[in-house]
Amino acid sequence: MNTVIWLVAGGLVAVAAFSALHLNVARGLIVTMVIGIFAAYFGGSILSPLFGGIAITGEFNPLALLVASCSALGAFFLTATIYQHVGN
């Protein structure tokens, strides 16, 4: 269940950042959501245990959700910066 919540949170964070900050407009909303979803999965499953959260289990972990959401936001900004410097 945690994994599904991470993926949904990653997609929602990407949509919110895309709408509010108007970055990654050239690549589109779908690509931005895919980046957010992959980053949230990475953050929830790999980075969360490093910060003391549990990995994939049956119970909900708010720390894992926070790490997954921050990972999605960080990936969003990182890819926007790379695209601005290399993609133009």
C-alpha atoms as a PDB file:
ATOM      1  CA  MET A   1       0.000   0.000   0.000  1.00  0.00           C
ATOM      2  CA  ASN A   2       2.891   2.344   0.700  1.00  0.00           C
ATOM      3  CA  THR A   3       4.111   1.964  -2.860  1.00  0.00           C
ATOM      4  CA  VAL A   4       0.794   3.043  -4.351  1.00  0.00           C
ATOM      5  CA  ILE A   5       0.677   6.062  -2.045  1.00  0.00           C
ATOM      6  CA  TRP A   6       4.244   7.022  -3.046  1.00  0.00           C
ATOM      7  CA  LEU A   7       3.397   6.811  -6.737  1.00  0.00           C
ATOM      8  CA  VAL A   8       0.240   8.882  -6.362  1.00  0.00           C
ATOM      9  CA  ALA A   9       2.073  11.447  -4.221  1.00  0.00           C
ATOM     10  CA  GLY A  10       4.879  11.673  -6.781  1.00  0.00           C
ATOM     11  CA  GLY A  11       2.400  12.293  -9.566  1.00  0.00           C
ATOM     12  CA  LEU A  12       0.502  14.890  -7.543  1.00  0.00           C
ATOM     13  CA  VAL A  13       3.682  16.715  -6.508  1.00  0.00           C
ATOM     14  CA  ALA A  14       4.779  16.814 -10.146  1.00  0.00           C
ATOM     15  CA  VAL A  15       1.399  18.164 -11.298  1.00  0.00           C
ATOM     16  CA  ALA A  16       1.369  20.797  -8.551  1.00  0.00           C
ATOM     17  CA  ALA A  17       4.919  21.915  -9.328  1.00  0.00           C
ATOM     18  CA  PHE A  18       4.232  21.906 -13.067  1.00  0.00           C
ATOM     19  CA  SER A  19       1.118  24.038 -12.614  1.00  0.00           C
ATOM     20  CA  ALA A  20       2.486  26.442 -10.022  1.00  0.00           C
ATOM     21  CA  LEU A  21       6.020  26.980 -11.299  1.00  0.00           C
ATOM     22  CA  HIS A  22       5.503  26.610 -15.063  1.00  0.00           C
ATOM     23  CA  LEU A  23       8.730  24.654 -15.441  1.00  0.00           C
ATOM     24  CA  ASN A  24       9.149  21.716 -17.844  1.00  0.00           C
ATOM     25  CA  VAL A  25       6.438  23.195 -20.073  1.00  0.00           C
ATOM     26  CA  ALA A  26       8.295  22.186 -23.237  1.00  0.00           C
ATOM     27  CA  ARG A  27       8.289  18.515 -22.208  1.00  0.00           C
ATOM     28  CA  GLY A  28       4.692  18.425 -21.081  1.00  0.00           C
ATOM     29  CA  LEU A  29       2.681  17.261 -18.120  1.00  0.00           C
ATOM     30  CA  ILE A  30       2.901  13.526 -18.832  1.00  0.00           C
ATOM     31  CA  VAL A  31       6.710  13.476 -18.871  1.00  0.00           C
ATOM     32  CA  THR A  32       6.759  15.564 -15.703  1.00  0.00           C
ATOM     33  CA  MET A  33       4.398  13.113 -13.992  1.00  0.00           C
ATOM     34  CA  VAL A  34       6.518  10.131 -15.056  1.00  0.00           C
ATOM     35  CA  ILE A  35       9.625  11.810 -13.607  1.00  0.00           C
ATOM     36  CA  GLY A  36       7.755  12.493 -10.359  1.00  0.00           C
ATOM     37  CA  ILE A  37       6.460   8.935 -10.112  1.00  0.00           C
ATOM     38  CA  PHE A  38       9.870   7.344 -10.679  1.00  0.00           C
ATOM     39  CA  ALA A  39      11.528   9.732  -8.230  1.00  0.00           C
ATOM     40  CA  ALA A  40       8.866   9.065  -5.593  1.00  0.00           C
ATOM     41  CA  TYR A  41       9.369   5.322  -5.937  1.00  0.00           C
ATOM     42  CA  PHE A  42      13.135   5.771  -5.605  1.00  0.00           C
ATOM     43  CA  GLY A  43      12.708   8.027  -2.590  1.00  0.00           C
ATOM     44  CA  GLY A  44      10.222   5.766  -0.853  1.00  0.00           C
ATOM     45  CA  SER A  45      12.002   2.478  -1.435  1.00  0.00           C
ATOM     46  CA  ILE A  46      15.703   3.467  -1.424  1.00  0.00           C
ATOM     47  CA  LEU A  47      16.086   6.752   0.450  1.00  0.00           C
ATOM     48  CA  SER A  48      13.432   6.281   3.135  1.00  0.00           C
ATOM     49  CA  PRO A  49      15.210   3.372   4.870  1.00  0.00           C
ATOM     50  CA  LEU A  50      18.370   5.485   4.956  1.00  0.00           C
ATOM     51  CA  PHE A  51      16.477   8.130   6.945  1.00  0.00           C
ATOM     52  CA  GLY A  52      15.009   5.621   9.389  1.00  0.00           C
ATOM     53  CA  GLY A  53      11.762   4.812   7.611  1.00  0.00           C
ATOM     54  CA  ILE A  54      10.696   1.317   6.772  1.00  0.00           C
ATOM     55  CA  ALA A  55      10.832   0.050   3.220  1.00  0.00           C
ATOM     56  CA  ILE A  56       7.940  -1.685   1.500  1.00  0.00           C
ATOM     57  CA  THR A  57       5.633  -3.174   4.124  1.00  0.00           C
ATOM     58  CA  GLY A  58       1.924  -3.432   4.695  1.00  0.00           C
ATOM     59  CA  GLU A  59       1.563  -0.477   7.028  1.00  0.00           C
ATOM     60  CA  PHE A  60       1.532   3.227   6.201  1.00  0.00           C
ATOM     61  CA  ASN A  61       4.673   5.216   7.001  1.00  0.00           C
ATOM     62  CA  PRO A  62       4.443   9.035   6.925  1.00  0.00           C
ATOM     63  CA  LEU A  63       8.234   9.445   6.829  1.00  0.00           C
ATOM     64  CA  ALA A  64       8.406   7.351   3.670  1.00  0.00           C
ATOM     65  CA  LEU A  65       5.677   9.504   2.127  1.00  0.00           C
ATOM     66  CA  LEU A  66       7.570  12.685   3.025  1.00  0.00           C
ATOM     67  CA  VAL A  67      10.835  11.355   1.593  1.00  0.00           C
ATOM     68  CA  ALA A  68       9.076  10.163  -1.571  1.00  0.00           C
ATOM     69  CA  SER A  69       7.391  13.540  -2.071  1.00  0.00           C
ATOM     70  CA  CYS A  70      10.614  15.458  -1.492  1.00  0.00           C
ATOM     71  CA  SER A  71      12.414  13.156  -3.921  1.00  0.00           C
ATOM     72  CA  ALA A  72       9.793  13.848  -6.577  1.00  0.00           C
ATOM     73  CA  LEU A  73      10.092  17.600  -6.026  1.00  0.00           C
ATOM     74  CA  GLY A  74      13.887  17.410  -6.108  1.00  0.00           C
ATOM     75  CA  ALA A  75      13.841  15.410  -9.337  1.00  0.00           C
ATOM     76  CA  PHE A  76      11.436  17.924 -10.838  1.00  0.00           C
ATOM     77  CA  PHE A  77      13.788  20.828 -10.108  1.00  0.00           C
ATOM     78  CA  LEU A  78      16.853  18.847 -11.177  1.00  0.00           C
ATOM     79  CA  THR A  79      15.397  17.870 -14.535  1.00  0.00           C
ATOM     80  CA  ALA A  80      14.126  21.419 -15.127  1.00  0.00           C
ATOM     81  CA  THR A  81      17.596  22.821 -14.445  1.00  0.00           C
ATOM     82  CA  ILE A  82      19.285  20.267 -16.686  1.00  0.00           C
ATOM     83  CA  TYR A  83      16.795  20.931 -19.482  1.00  0.00           C
ATOM     84  CA  GLN A  84      17.358  24.709 -19.223  1.00  0.00           C
ATOM     85  CA  HIS A  85      21.133  24.334 -19.490  1.00  0.00           C
ATOM     86  CA  VAL A  86      21.390  21.485 -22.002  1.00  0.00           C
ATOM     87  CA  GLY A  87      18.056  21.217 -23.774  1.00  0.00           C
ATOM     88  CA  ASN A  88      17.851  24.655 -25.348  1.00  0.00           C
END
